[in-house]
């Protein structure tokens, strides 16, 4: 018996869960494990998938995406790892400070925007910090199918090396760790140059690391289709701005510390999403009229689309002025 889906936010269906474990891993990272409230099995997912966790914070509803890091073969448990961001928008602090074992929450069905290319002859993973989380599930998946992989994982310090111990113990010949405070660096150019034909590369971590891997792979002649990355952007604060929702007949004000998507949802207007981080394209919205300046922050629209002023990704982008949208 599987969990009974419930009608969710416009992002899709949700799963009622109970927090089955809260496990502090180091000073910054905690693992949260979930089980279905009805005791049933979770929907299947593949390595690289994420779920959106709903957090009820008083009158505010937070919706944050987190990579699923549990074994895809284990349908009894979903697990995520959350890095505490003291200067963030409050979601990670809510998880660290408020969520306890036994709490009931809602999470979304899994979505995969960072999947393994199973046609690849080999998979080489580059992780930075909390970017290790999607690779935990990918590794578990590949180990069950005898897949060929290796991991190169950069951490700030040994004490902040999330899952380093378990990975190094289980896969000593496949896992390579580098510590920033020991002046150790991933030998990226050499690694990219020495891979067999048919290798795919994957990177998850800070933006600088993602850009570095893509640029180095391109310079080494790797096809773009064989280099994969995932980066969930968080909405940045900015000045208040006014938005007219033409289909709904509503005018809303987007606050300094909320996203345009959150303001639309607060007004009770349906707005689709999958990632809430500027990567999936699901919340792409047509602009009816714009009087001011766009602040585009997404990965989805290209430069020409940004320049046209005809579309906006409300999950992460903002506007300076007055905006009318087809919502």
C-alpha atoms as a PDB file:
ATOM      1  CA  UNK A   1       0.000   0.000   0.000  1.00  0.00           C
ATOM      2  CA  UNK A   2       1.425   3.369  -0.968  1.00  0.00           C
ATOM      3  CA  UNK A   3       0.850   6.769   0.553  1.00  0.00           C
ATOM      4  CA  UNK A   4      -2.388   8.385  -0.506  1.00  0.00           C
ATOM      5  CA  UNK A   5      -1.544  11.461  -2.557  1.00  0.00           C
ATOM      6  CA  UNK A   6      -3.146  14.758  -1.634  1.00  0.00           C
ATOM      7  CA  UNK A   7      -3.843  17.734  -3.822  1.00  0.00           C
ATOM      8  CA  UNK A   8      -0.868  19.975  -3.327  1.00  0.00           C
ATOM      9  CA  UNK A   9       0.302  23.415  -4.161  1.00  0.00           C
ATOM     10  CA  UNK A  10       0.300  23.943  -7.935  1.00  0.00           C
ATOM     11  CA  UNK A  11       3.686  22.252  -8.051  1.00  0.00           C
ATOM     12  CA  UNK A  12       2.009  18.844  -7.958  1.00  0.00           C
ATOM     13  CA  UNK A  13       0.836  16.210  -5.539  1.00  0.00           C
ATOM     14  CA  UNK A  14       2.167  15.913  -2.031  1.00  0.00           C
ATOM     15  CA  UNK A  15       2.866  12.983   0.259  1.00  0.00           C
ATOM     16  CA  UNK A  16       1.921  13.110   3.968  1.00  0.00           C
ATOM     17  CA  UNK A  17       5.006  12.024   5.926  1.00  0.00           C
ATOM     18  CA  UNK A  18       6.279  11.674   9.456  1.00  0.00           C
ATOM     19  CA  UNK A  19       9.827  12.590  10.414  1.00  0.00           C
ATOM     20  CA  UNK A  20      11.315   9.237  11.407  1.00  0.00           C
ATOM     21  CA  UNK A  21      14.832  10.427  12.256  1.00  0.00           C
ATOM     22  CA  UNK A  22      16.818  13.628  12.755  1.00  0.00           C
ATOM     23  CA  UNK A  23      20.569  12.945  12.643  1.00  0.00           C
ATOM     24  CA  UNK A  24      23.118  15.763  13.162  1.00  0.00           C
ATOM     25  CA  UNK A  25      26.153  14.979  10.984  1.00  0.00           C
ATOM     26  CA  UNK A  26      28.449  17.903  11.793  1.00  0.00           C
ATOM     27  CA  UNK A  27      28.253  21.540  12.884  1.00  0.00           C
ATOM     28  CA  UNK A  28      26.354  22.552   9.743  1.00  0.00           C
ATOM     29  CA  UNK A  29      24.573  19.524   8.252  1.00  0.00           C
ATOM     30  CA  UNK A  30      21.700  17.400   9.568  1.00  0.00           C
ATOM     31  CA  UNK A  31      19.995  14.435   7.914  1.00  0.00           C
ATOM     32  CA  UNK A  32      16.202  14.164   8.028  1.00  0.00           C
ATOM     33  CA  UNK A  33      14.469  10.871   7.283  1.00  0.00           C
ATOM     34  CA  UNK A  34      10.802  10.520   6.394  1.00  0.00           C
ATOM     35  CA  UNK A  35       8.309   7.668   6.295  1.00  0.00           C
ATOM     36  CA  UNK A  36       4.806   7.670   4.856  1.00  0.00           C
ATOM     37  CA  UNK A  37       2.212   8.436   7.505  1.00  0.00           C
ATOM     38  CA  UNK A  38       0.084   5.472   6.384  1.00  0.00           C
ATOM     39  CA  UNK A  39       3.035   3.095   6.709  1.00  0.00           C
ATOM     40  CA  UNK A  40       3.105   2.425   2.980  1.00  0.00           C
ATOM     41  CA  UNK A  41       5.807   2.646   0.354  1.00  0.00           C
ATOM     42  CA  UNK A  42       7.093   5.831  -1.212  1.00  0.00           C
ATOM     43  CA  UNK A  43       6.910   6.398  -4.972  1.00  0.00           C
ATOM     44  CA  UNK A  44      10.049   5.204  -6.779  1.00  0.00           C
ATOM     45  CA  UNK A  45      12.791   7.687  -7.634  1.00  0.00           C
ATOM     46  CA  UNK A  46      16.175   7.602  -9.347  1.00  0.00           C
ATOM     47  CA  UNK A  47      19.506   9.054  -8.247  1.00  0.00           C
ATOM     48  CA  UNK A  48      19.603  12.830  -8.659  1.00  0.00           C
ATOM     49  CA  UNK A  49      15.931  13.407  -7.822  1.00  0.00           C
ATOM     50  CA  UNK A  50      14.711  16.033  -5.367  1.00  0.00           C
ATOM     51  CA  UNK A  51      11.639  16.653  -3.247  1.00  0.00           C
ATOM     52  CA  UNK A  52      10.106  19.947  -2.138  1.00  0.00           C
ATOM     53  CA  UNK A  53       9.550  20.074   1.627  1.00  0.00           C
ATOM     54  CA  UNK A  54       6.672  22.143   2.962  1.00  0.00           C
ATOM     55  CA  UNK A  55       7.344  23.986   6.234  1.00  0.00           C
ATOM     56  CA  UNK A  56       4.519  25.625   8.149  1.00  0.00           C
ATOM     57  CA  UNK A  57       6.129  28.594   9.911  1.00  0.00           C
ATOM     58  CA  UNK A  58       3.206  30.410  11.523  1.00  0.00           C
ATOM     59  CA  UNK A  59       1.281  32.185   8.769  1.00  0.00           C
ATOM     60  CA  UNK A  60       4.171  31.603   6.371  1.00  0.00           C
ATOM     61  CA  UNK A  61       4.492  28.465   4.263  1.00  0.00           C
ATOM     62  CA  UNK A  62       8.015  27.706   3.122  1.00  0.00           C
ATOM     63  CA  UNK A  63       8.654  25.352   0.196  1.00  0.00           C
ATOM     64  CA  UNK A  64      12.296  24.312  -0.218  1.00  0.00           C
ATOM     65  CA  UNK A  65      13.784  21.745  -2.639  1.00  0.00           C
ATOM     66  CA  UNK A  66      16.252  19.169  -1.311  1.00  0.00           C
ATOM     67  CA  UNK A  67      18.019  16.319  -3.103  1.00  0.00           C
ATOM     68  CA  UNK A  68      16.941  12.820  -2.095  1.00  0.00           C
ATOM     69  CA  UNK A  69      20.064  11.056  -0.805  1.00  0.00           C
ATOM     70  CA  UNK A  70      18.610   7.741   0.349  1.00  0.00           C
ATOM     71  CA  UNK A  71      18.939   4.469  -1.553  1.00  0.00           C
ATOM     72  CA  UNK A  72      16.435   4.491  -4.450  1.00  0.00           C
ATOM     73  CA  UNK A  73      15.893   0.766  -3.867  1.00  0.00           C
ATOM     74  CA  UNK A  74      14.522   1.404  -0.363  1.00  0.00           C
ATOM     75  CA  UNK A  75      10.903   2.513  -0.766  1.00  0.00           C
ATOM     76  CA  UNK A  76      10.309   2.674   3.006  1.00  0.00           C
ATOM     77  CA  UNK A  77      12.326   5.854   3.601  1.00  0.00           C
ATOM     78  CA  UNK A  78      13.186   9.124   1.948  1.00  0.00           C
ATOM     79  CA  UNK A  79      16.167  11.045   3.329  1.00  0.00           C
ATOM     80  CA  UNK A  80      17.540  14.540   2.747  1.00  0.00           C
ATOM     81  CA  UNK A  81      20.523  16.380   4.224  1.00  0.00           C
ATOM     82  CA  UNK A  82      20.165  20.081   5.022  1.00  0.00           C
ATOM     83  CA  UNK A  83      23.027  22.536   5.472  1.00  0.00           C
ATOM     84  CA  UNK A  84      22.249  25.281   7.970  1.00  0.00           C
ATOM     85  CA  UNK A  85      22.399  28.724   6.364  1.00  0.00           C
ATOM     86  CA  UNK A  86      22.444  31.298   9.146  1.00  0.00           C
ATOM     87  CA  UNK A  87      22.126  34.153   6.661  1.00  0.00           C
ATOM     88  CA  UNK A  88      19.561  32.453   4.439  1.00  0.00           C
ATOM     89  CA  UNK A  89      15.822  32.982   4.037  1.00  0.00           C
ATOM     90  CA  UNK A  90      14.886  30.816   7.001  1.00  0.00           C
ATOM     91  CA  UNK A  91      14.097  27.389   5.523  1.00  0.00           C
ATOM     92  CA  UNK A  92      17.268  25.657   6.651  1.00  0.00           C
ATOM     93  CA  UNK A  93      17.030  27.251  10.098  1.00  0.00           C
ATOM     94  CA  UNK A  94      13.442  26.029  10.374  1.00  0.00           C
ATOM     95  CA  UNK A  95      14.555  22.499   9.568  1.00  0.00           C
ATOM     96  CA  UNK A  96      17.459  22.602  12.026  1.00  0.00           C
ATOM     97  CA  UNK A  97      15.703  24.371  14.890  1.00  0.00           C
ATOM     98  CA  UNK A  98      12.059  23.371  14.613  1.00  0.00           C
ATOM     99  CA  UNK A  99      11.749  19.945  12.994  1.00  0.00           C
ATOM    100  CA  UNK A 100      11.804  17.013  15.401  1.00  0.00           C
ATOM    101  CA  UNK A 101      11.387  13.254  15.159  1.00  0.00           C
ATOM    102  CA  UNK A 102       7.681  12.419  15.072  1.00  0.00           C
ATOM    103  CA  UNK A 103       6.625  15.664  13.367  1.00  0.00           C
ATOM    104  CA  UNK A 104       4.143  15.402  10.512  1.00  0.00           C
ATOM    105  CA  UNK A 105       5.018  17.229   7.305  1.00  0.00           C
ATOM    106  CA  UNK A 106       4.170  17.293   3.605  1.00  0.00           C
ATOM    107  CA  UNK A 107       6.668  16.697   0.807  1.00  0.00           C
ATOM    108  CA  UNK A 108       6.269  16.635  -2.959  1.00  0.00           C
ATOM    109  CA  UNK A 109       6.523  13.666  -5.253  1.00  0.00           C
ATOM    110  CA  UNK A 110      10.127  13.283  -6.446  1.00  0.00           C
ATOM    111  CA  UNK A 111      11.270  15.061  -9.598  1.00  0.00           C
ATOM    112  CA  UNK A 112      14.583  14.377 -11.334  1.00  0.00           C
ATOM    113  CA  UNK A 113      16.342  17.213 -13.157  1.00  0.00           C
ATOM    114  CA  UNK A 114      19.819  15.706 -12.597  1.00  0.00           C
ATOM    115  CA  UNK A 115      19.527  12.092 -13.653  1.00  0.00           C
ATOM    116  CA  UNK A 116      22.258   9.658 -14.582  1.00  0.00           C
ATOM    117  CA  UNK A 117      22.814   9.051 -18.274  1.00  0.00           C
ATOM    118  CA  UNK A 118      22.604   5.280 -18.190  1.00  0.00           C
ATOM    119  CA  UNK A 119      24.119   5.057 -21.693  1.00  0.00           C
ATOM    120  CA  UNK A 120      27.440   6.291 -20.289  1.00  0.00           C
ATOM    121  CA  UNK A 121      30.376   3.881 -20.043  1.00  0.00           C
ATOM    122  CA  UNK A 122      31.573   5.635 -16.878  1.00  0.00           C
ATOM    123  CA  UNK A 123      30.337   8.309 -14.480  1.00  0.00           C
ATOM    124  CA  UNK A 124      32.699  10.796 -12.832  1.00  0.00           C
ATOM    125  CA  UNK A 125      31.236  12.864  -9.989  1.00  0.00           C
ATOM    126  CA  UNK A 126      32.500  16.245  -8.736  1.00  0.00           C
ATOM    127  CA  UNK A 127      30.984  17.376  -5.431  1.00  0.00           C
ATOM    128  CA  UNK A 128      31.516  20.429  -3.282  1.00  0.00           C
ATOM    129  CA  UNK A 129      30.178  20.712   0.269  1.00  0.00           C
ATOM    130  CA  UNK A 130      26.489  19.843   0.585  1.00  0.00           C
ATOM    131  CA  UNK A 131      26.573  19.060  -3.160  1.00  0.00           C
ATOM    132  CA  UNK A 132      27.453  15.512  -2.117  1.00  0.00           C
ATOM    133  CA  UNK A 133      23.787  14.686  -1.415  1.00  0.00           C
ATOM    134  CA  UNK A 134      22.495  13.733  -4.893  1.00  0.00           C
ATOM    135  CA  UNK A 135      25.580  11.592  -5.464  1.00  0.00           C
ATOM    136  CA  UNK A 136      24.743   9.443  -2.446  1.00  0.00           C
ATOM    137  CA  UNK A 137      21.629   8.161  -4.235  1.00  0.00           C
ATOM    138  CA  UNK A 138      23.396   7.967  -7.604  1.00  0.00           C
ATOM    139  CA  UNK A 139      26.170   5.846  -6.112  1.00  0.00           C
ATOM    140  CA  UNK A 140      23.686   3.491  -4.459  1.00  0.00           C
ATOM    141  CA  UNK A 141      21.881   3.108  -7.782  1.00  0.00           C
ATOM    142  CA  UNK A 142      25.063   2.422  -9.737  1.00  0.00           C
ATOM    143  CA  UNK A 143      26.384  -0.036  -7.166  1.00  0.00           C
ATOM    144  CA  UNK A 144      23.274  -2.169  -7.627  1.00  0.00           C
ATOM    145  CA  UNK A 145      23.832  -2.291 -11.381  1.00  0.00           C
ATOM    146  CA  UNK A 146      27.636  -2.695 -11.257  1.00  0.00           C
ATOM    147  CA  UNK A 147      28.044   0.745 -12.789  1.00  0.00           C
ATOM    148  CA  UNK A 148      31.484   2.268 -13.337  1.00  0.00           C
ATOM    149  CA  UNK A 149      31.934   5.468 -11.317  1.00  0.00           C
ATOM    150  CA  UNK A 150      34.353   7.569  -9.291  1.00  0.00           C
ATOM    151  CA  UNK A 151      33.842  10.504  -6.927  1.00  0.00           C
ATOM    152  CA  UNK A 152      35.968  13.595  -6.350  1.00  0.00           C
ATOM    153  CA  UNK A 153      34.683  15.490  -3.312  1.00  0.00           C
ATOM    154  CA  UNK A 154      35.966  18.874  -2.103  1.00  0.00           C
ATOM    155  CA  UNK A 155      35.288  19.827   1.539  1.00  0.00           C
ATOM    156  CA  UNK A 156      36.247  22.906   3.539  1.00  0.00           C
ATOM    157  CA  UNK A 157      37.667  20.911   6.453  1.00  0.00           C
ATOM    158  CA  UNK A 158      37.764  17.324   7.689  1.00  0.00           C
ATOM    159  CA  UNK A 159      35.135  18.124  10.327  1.00  0.00           C
ATOM    160  CA  UNK A 160      32.728  19.365   7.633  1.00  0.00           C
ATOM    161  CA  UNK A 161      33.262  16.391   5.322  1.00  0.00           C
ATOM    162  CA  UNK A 162      29.665  15.188   5.216  1.00  0.00           C
ATOM    163  CA  UNK A 163      29.510  11.403   4.604  1.00  0.00           C
ATOM    164  CA  UNK A 164      33.280  11.243   3.978  1.00  0.00           C
ATOM    165  CA  UNK A 165      33.762   8.433   6.514  1.00  0.00           C
ATOM    166  CA  UNK A 166      31.079   6.128   5.125  1.00  0.00           C
ATOM    167  CA  UNK A 167      32.018   6.785   1.505  1.00  0.00           C
ATOM    168  CA  UNK A 168      35.730   6.252   2.081  1.00  0.00           C
ATOM    169  CA  UNK A 169      35.074   3.074   4.070  1.00  0.00           C
ATOM    170  CA  UNK A 170      32.681   1.506   1.552  1.00  0.00           C
ATOM    171  CA  UNK A 171      34.438   2.606  -1.654  1.00  0.00           C
ATOM    172  CA  UNK A 172      38.118   3.233  -0.856  1.00  0.00           C
ATOM    173  CA  UNK A 173      39.237   2.870  -4.476  1.00  0.00           C
ATOM    174  CA  UNK A 174      36.517   5.050  -5.972  1.00  0.00           C
ATOM    175  CA  UNK A 175      36.285   7.985  -3.562  1.00  0.00           C
ATOM    176  CA  UNK A 176      38.811  10.837  -3.510  1.00  0.00           C
ATOM    177  CA  UNK A 177      38.569  13.608  -0.903  1.00  0.00           C
ATOM    178  CA  UNK A 178      40.158  17.070  -0.999  1.00  0.00           C
ATOM    179  CA  UNK A 179      40.268  19.516   1.932  1.00  0.00           C
ATOM    180  CA  UNK A 180      40.423  23.246   1.262  1.00  0.00           C
ATOM    181  CA  UNK A 181      42.177  24.046   4.557  1.00  0.00           C
ATOM    182  CA  UNK A 182      44.947  21.607   3.624  1.00  0.00           C
ATOM    183  CA  UNK A 183      45.422  23.289   0.240  1.00  0.00           C
ATOM    184  CA  UNK A 184      44.177  20.199  -1.570  1.00  0.00           C
ATOM    185  CA  UNK A 185      42.412  20.720  -4.885  1.00  0.00           C
ATOM    186  CA  UNK A 186      40.664  18.466  -7.376  1.00  0.00           C
ATOM    187  CA  UNK A 187      43.079  17.943 -10.329  1.00  0.00           C
ATOM    188  CA  UNK A 188      40.235  18.674 -12.720  1.00  0.00           C
ATOM    189  CA  UNK A 189      42.101  19.143 -15.980  1.00  0.00           C
ATOM    190  CA  UNK A 190      44.068  15.906 -15.524  1.00  0.00           C
ATOM    191  CA  UNK A 191      40.931  13.971 -14.604  1.00  0.00           C
ATOM    192  CA  UNK A 192      38.970  15.220 -17.593  1.00  0.00           C
ATOM    193  CA  UNK A 193      41.877  14.436 -19.904  1.00  0.00           C
ATOM    194  CA  UNK A 194      42.254  10.871 -18.693  1.00  0.00           C
ATOM    195  CA  UNK A 195      38.735   9.466 -18.970  1.00  0.00           C
ATOM    196  CA  UNK A 196      37.706   6.718 -21.400  1.00  0.00           C
ATOM    197  CA  UNK A 197      35.446   7.499 -24.343  1.00  0.00           C
ATOM    198  CA  UNK A 198      31.816   7.526 -23.261  1.00  0.00           C
ATOM    199  CA  UNK A 199      32.395   8.982 -19.787  1.00  0.00           C
ATOM    200  CA  UNK A 200      29.817  11.444 -18.412  1.00  0.00           C
ATOM    201  CA  UNK A 201      30.707  14.078 -15.802  1.00  0.00           C
ATOM    202  CA  UNK A 202      28.384  15.392 -13.091  1.00  0.00           C
ATOM    203  CA  UNK A 203      28.940  18.356 -10.776  1.00  0.00           C
ATOM    204  CA  UNK A 204      26.965  19.640  -7.803  1.00  0.00           C
ATOM    205  CA  UNK A 205      28.221  22.299  -5.425  1.00  0.00           C
ATOM    206  CA  UNK A 206      28.841  26.058  -5.293  1.00  0.00           C
ATOM    207  CA  UNK A 207      28.283  28.077  -8.461  1.00  0.00           C
ATOM    208  CA  UNK A 208      32.008  28.700  -8.887  1.00  0.00           C
ATOM    209  CA  UNK A 209      32.683  24.966  -8.896  1.00  0.00           C
ATOM    210  CA  UNK A 210      29.905  24.273 -11.387  1.00  0.00           C
ATOM    211  CA  UNK A 211      31.175  26.972 -13.745  1.00  0.00           C
ATOM    212  CA  UNK A 212      34.751  25.680 -13.369  1.00  0.00           C
ATOM    213  CA  UNK A 213      33.835  22.119 -14.334  1.00  0.00           C
ATOM    214  CA  UNK A 214      31.745  23.207 -17.318  1.00  0.00           C
ATOM    215  CA  UNK A 215      34.475  25.560 -18.580  1.00  0.00           C
ATOM    216  CA  UNK A 216      37.260  23.005 -18.125  1.00  0.00           C
ATOM    217  CA  UNK A 217      35.244  20.257 -19.798  1.00  0.00           C
ATOM    218  CA  UNK A 218      34.439  22.507 -22.745  1.00  0.00           C
ATOM    219  CA  UNK A 219      38.095  23.489 -23.098  1.00  0.00           C
ATOM    220  CA  UNK A 220      39.032  19.793 -23.052  1.00  0.00           C
ATOM    221  CA  UNK A 221      36.609  19.059 -25.885  1.00  0.00           C
ATOM    222  CA  UNK A 222      33.861  17.325 -23.905  1.00  0.00           C
ATOM    223  CA  UNK A 223      30.434  17.496 -25.568  1.00  0.00           C
ATOM    224  CA  UNK A 224      27.999  19.617 -23.549  1.00  0.00           C
ATOM    225  CA  UNK A 225      25.563  16.710 -23.403  1.00  0.00           C
ATOM    226  CA  UNK A 226      28.083  14.676 -21.382  1.00  0.00           C
ATOM    227  CA  UNK A 227      28.509  17.263 -18.608  1.00  0.00           C
ATOM    228  CA  UNK A 228      25.635  17.521 -16.133  1.00  0.00           C
ATOM    229  CA  UNK A 229      25.099  19.915 -13.232  1.00  0.00           C
ATOM    230  CA  UNK A 230      22.543  20.899 -10.653  1.00  0.00           C
ATOM    231  CA  UNK A 231      22.274  24.169  -8.769  1.00  0.00           C
ATOM    232  CA  UNK A 232      19.127  25.266  -6.981  1.00  0.00           C
ATOM    233  CA  UNK A 233      19.245  29.043  -6.729  1.00  0.00           C
ATOM    234  CA  UNK A 234      17.637  30.710  -3.744  1.00  0.00           C
ATOM    235  CA  UNK A 235      15.551  33.854  -4.261  1.00  0.00           C
ATOM    236  CA  UNK A 236      17.552  36.934  -3.341  1.00  0.00           C
ATOM    237  CA  UNK A 237      15.974  39.844  -1.458  1.00  0.00           C
ATOM    238  CA  UNK A 238      15.297  43.109  -3.215  1.00  0.00           C
ATOM    239  CA  UNK A 239      13.099  46.198  -3.289  1.00  0.00           C
ATOM    240  CA  UNK A 240       9.330  45.785  -3.153  1.00  0.00           C
ATOM    241  CA  UNK A 241       7.593  45.861  -6.514  1.00  0.00           C
ATOM    242  CA  UNK A 242       4.021  45.738  -7.749  1.00  0.00           C
ATOM    243  CA  UNK A 243       2.614  43.109 -10.067  1.00  0.00           C
ATOM    244  CA  UNK A 244      -0.710  42.980 -11.876  1.00  0.00           C
ATOM    245  CA  UNK A 245      -1.944  39.408 -12.428  1.00  0.00           C
ATOM    246  CA  UNK A 246      -4.064  39.873 -15.534  1.00  0.00           C
ATOM    247  CA  UNK A 247      -5.927  36.548 -15.693  1.00  0.00           C
ATOM    248  CA  UNK A 248      -6.723  36.635 -11.989  1.00  0.00           C
ATOM    249  CA  UNK A 249      -7.579  40.319 -11.849  1.00  0.00           C
ATOM    250  CA  UNK A 250      -5.386  40.843  -8.802  1.00  0.00           C
ATOM    251  CA  UNK A 251      -2.649  43.325  -7.969  1.00  0.00           C
ATOM    252  CA  UNK A 252       0.007  42.140  -5.523  1.00  0.00           C
ATOM    253  CA  UNK A 253       3.070  43.610  -3.866  1.00  0.00           C
ATOM    254  CA  UNK A 254       6.163  41.414  -3.759  1.00  0.00           C
ATOM    255  CA  UNK A 255       7.920  41.999  -0.460  1.00  0.00           C
ATOM    256  CA  UNK A 256      11.631  42.558   0.021  1.00  0.00           C
ATOM    257  CA  UNK A 257      12.230  39.059   1.401  1.00  0.00           C
ATOM    258  CA  UNK A 258       9.797  36.972  -0.640  1.00  0.00           C
ATOM    259  CA  UNK A 259       9.989  35.705  -4.184  1.00  0.00           C
ATOM    260  CA  UNK A 260       7.567  36.664  -6.928  1.00  0.00           C
ATOM    261  CA  UNK A 261       6.365  33.047  -6.925  1.00  0.00           C
ATOM    262  CA  UNK A 262       5.696  33.163  -3.186  1.00  0.00           C
ATOM    263  CA  UNK A 263       3.757  36.414  -3.568  1.00  0.00           C
ATOM    264  CA  UNK A 264       1.621  34.906  -6.348  1.00  0.00           C
ATOM    265  CA  UNK A 265       0.903  31.874  -4.155  1.00  0.00           C
ATOM    266  CA  UNK A 266       0.108  34.123  -1.185  1.00  0.00           C
ATOM    267  CA  UNK A 267      -2.568  35.777  -3.318  1.00  0.00           C
ATOM    268  CA  UNK A 268      -4.190  32.392  -3.900  1.00  0.00           C
ATOM    269  CA  UNK A 269      -3.266  32.262  -7.591  1.00  0.00           C
ATOM    270  CA  UNK A 270      -2.158  28.984  -9.149  1.00  0.00           C
ATOM    271  CA  UNK A 271       1.476  28.964 -10.260  1.00  0.00           C
ATOM    272  CA  UNK A 272       3.216  25.738 -11.319  1.00  0.00           C
ATOM    273  CA  UNK A 273       6.655  24.742 -10.086  1.00  0.00           C
ATOM    274  CA  UNK A 274       8.962  21.750  -9.849  1.00  0.00           C
ATOM    275  CA  UNK A 275      12.265  23.031  -8.444  1.00  0.00           C
ATOM    276  CA  UNK A 276      11.665  26.583  -7.131  1.00  0.00           C
ATOM    277  CA  UNK A 277      15.311  27.222  -7.963  1.00  0.00           C
ATOM    278  CA  UNK A 278      15.402  28.623 -11.493  1.00  0.00           C
ATOM    279  CA  UNK A 279      16.403  25.381 -13.198  1.00  0.00           C
ATOM    280  CA  UNK A 280      13.354  23.444 -14.375  1.00  0.00           C
ATOM    281  CA  UNK A 281      11.351  25.960 -16.428  1.00  0.00           C
ATOM    282  CA  UNK A 282       8.009  24.908 -14.983  1.00  0.00           C
ATOM    283  CA  UNK A 283       7.085  28.338 -13.584  1.00  0.00           C
ATOM    284  CA  UNK A 284       7.969  30.241 -16.768  1.00  0.00           C
ATOM    285  CA  UNK A 285       5.478  33.106 -17.077  1.00  0.00           C
ATOM    286  CA  UNK A 286       4.609  35.410 -19.975  1.00  0.00           C
ATOM    287  CA  UNK A 287       5.006  39.143 -19.416  1.00  0.00           C
ATOM    288  CA  UNK A 288       2.065  41.262 -20.591  1.00  0.00           C
ATOM    289  CA  UNK A 289       3.602  44.651 -19.818  1.00  0.00           C
ATOM    290  CA  UNK A 290       6.706  45.853 -18.033  1.00  0.00           C
ATOM    291  CA  UNK A 291       7.634  49.336 -16.883  1.00  0.00           C
ATOM    292  CA  UNK A 292      11.052  49.067 -15.286  1.00  0.00           C
ATOM    293  CA  UNK A 293      14.004  46.703 -15.149  1.00  0.00           C
ATOM    294  CA  UNK A 294      14.119  42.911 -14.973  1.00  0.00           C
ATOM    295  CA  UNK A 295      16.443  41.183 -12.502  1.00  0.00           C
ATOM    296  CA  UNK A 296      16.793  37.753 -14.127  1.00  0.00           C
ATOM    297  CA  UNK A 297      18.510  35.114 -11.986  1.00  0.00           C
ATOM    298  CA  UNK A 298      17.397  31.832 -13.529  1.00  0.00           C
ATOM    299  CA  UNK A 299      19.260  29.121 -15.436  1.00  0.00           C
ATOM    300  CA  UNK A 300      16.347  28.409 -17.764  1.00  0.00           C
ATOM    301  CA  UNK A 301      15.872  31.371 -20.107  1.00  0.00           C
ATOM    302  CA  UNK A 302      18.689  32.182 -22.506  1.00  0.00           C
ATOM    303  CA  UNK A 303      20.285  35.605 -22.952  1.00  0.00           C
ATOM    304  CA  UNK A 304      18.007  36.553 -25.856  1.00  0.00           C
ATOM    305  CA  UNK A 305      14.905  35.643 -23.859  1.00  0.00           C
ATOM    306  CA  UNK A 306      16.167  37.685 -20.926  1.00  0.00           C
ATOM    307  CA  UNK A 307      16.781  40.653 -23.210  1.00  0.00           C
ATOM    308  CA  UNK A 308      13.355  40.389 -24.861  1.00  0.00           C
ATOM    309  CA  UNK A 309      11.490  41.091 -21.618  1.00  0.00           C
ATOM    310  CA  UNK A 310       8.754  38.698 -22.692  1.00  0.00           C
ATOM    311  CA  UNK A 311       9.178  36.066 -19.995  1.00  0.00           C
ATOM    312  CA  UNK A 312      10.181  35.775 -16.338  1.00  0.00           C
ATOM    313  CA  UNK A 313      10.885  32.917 -13.943  1.00  0.00           C
ATOM    314  CA  UNK A 314       9.039  34.026 -10.780  1.00  0.00           C
ATOM    315  CA  UNK A 315      10.757  31.521  -8.479  1.00  0.00           C
ATOM    316  CA  UNK A 316      14.067  33.440  -8.422  1.00  0.00           C
ATOM    317  CA  UNK A 317      13.791  36.561 -10.606  1.00  0.00           C
ATOM    318  CA  UNK A 318      12.584  40.029  -9.610  1.00  0.00           C
ATOM    319  CA  UNK A 319      11.611  43.335 -11.192  1.00  0.00           C
ATOM    320  CA  UNK A 320      12.320  46.979 -10.491  1.00  0.00           C
ATOM    321  CA  UNK A 321       9.153  48.850 -11.360  1.00  0.00           C
ATOM    322  CA  UNK A 322       5.627  47.772 -12.246  1.00  0.00           C
ATOM    323  CA  UNK A 323       4.952  44.445 -13.944  1.00  0.00           C
ATOM    324  CA  UNK A 324       1.916  42.793 -15.551  1.00  0.00           C
ATOM    325  CA  UNK A 325       1.893  38.998 -15.915  1.00  0.00           C
ATOM    326  CA  UNK A 326      -0.254  36.436 -17.690  1.00  0.00           C
ATOM    327  CA  UNK A 327      -1.401  34.763 -14.457  1.00  0.00           C
END
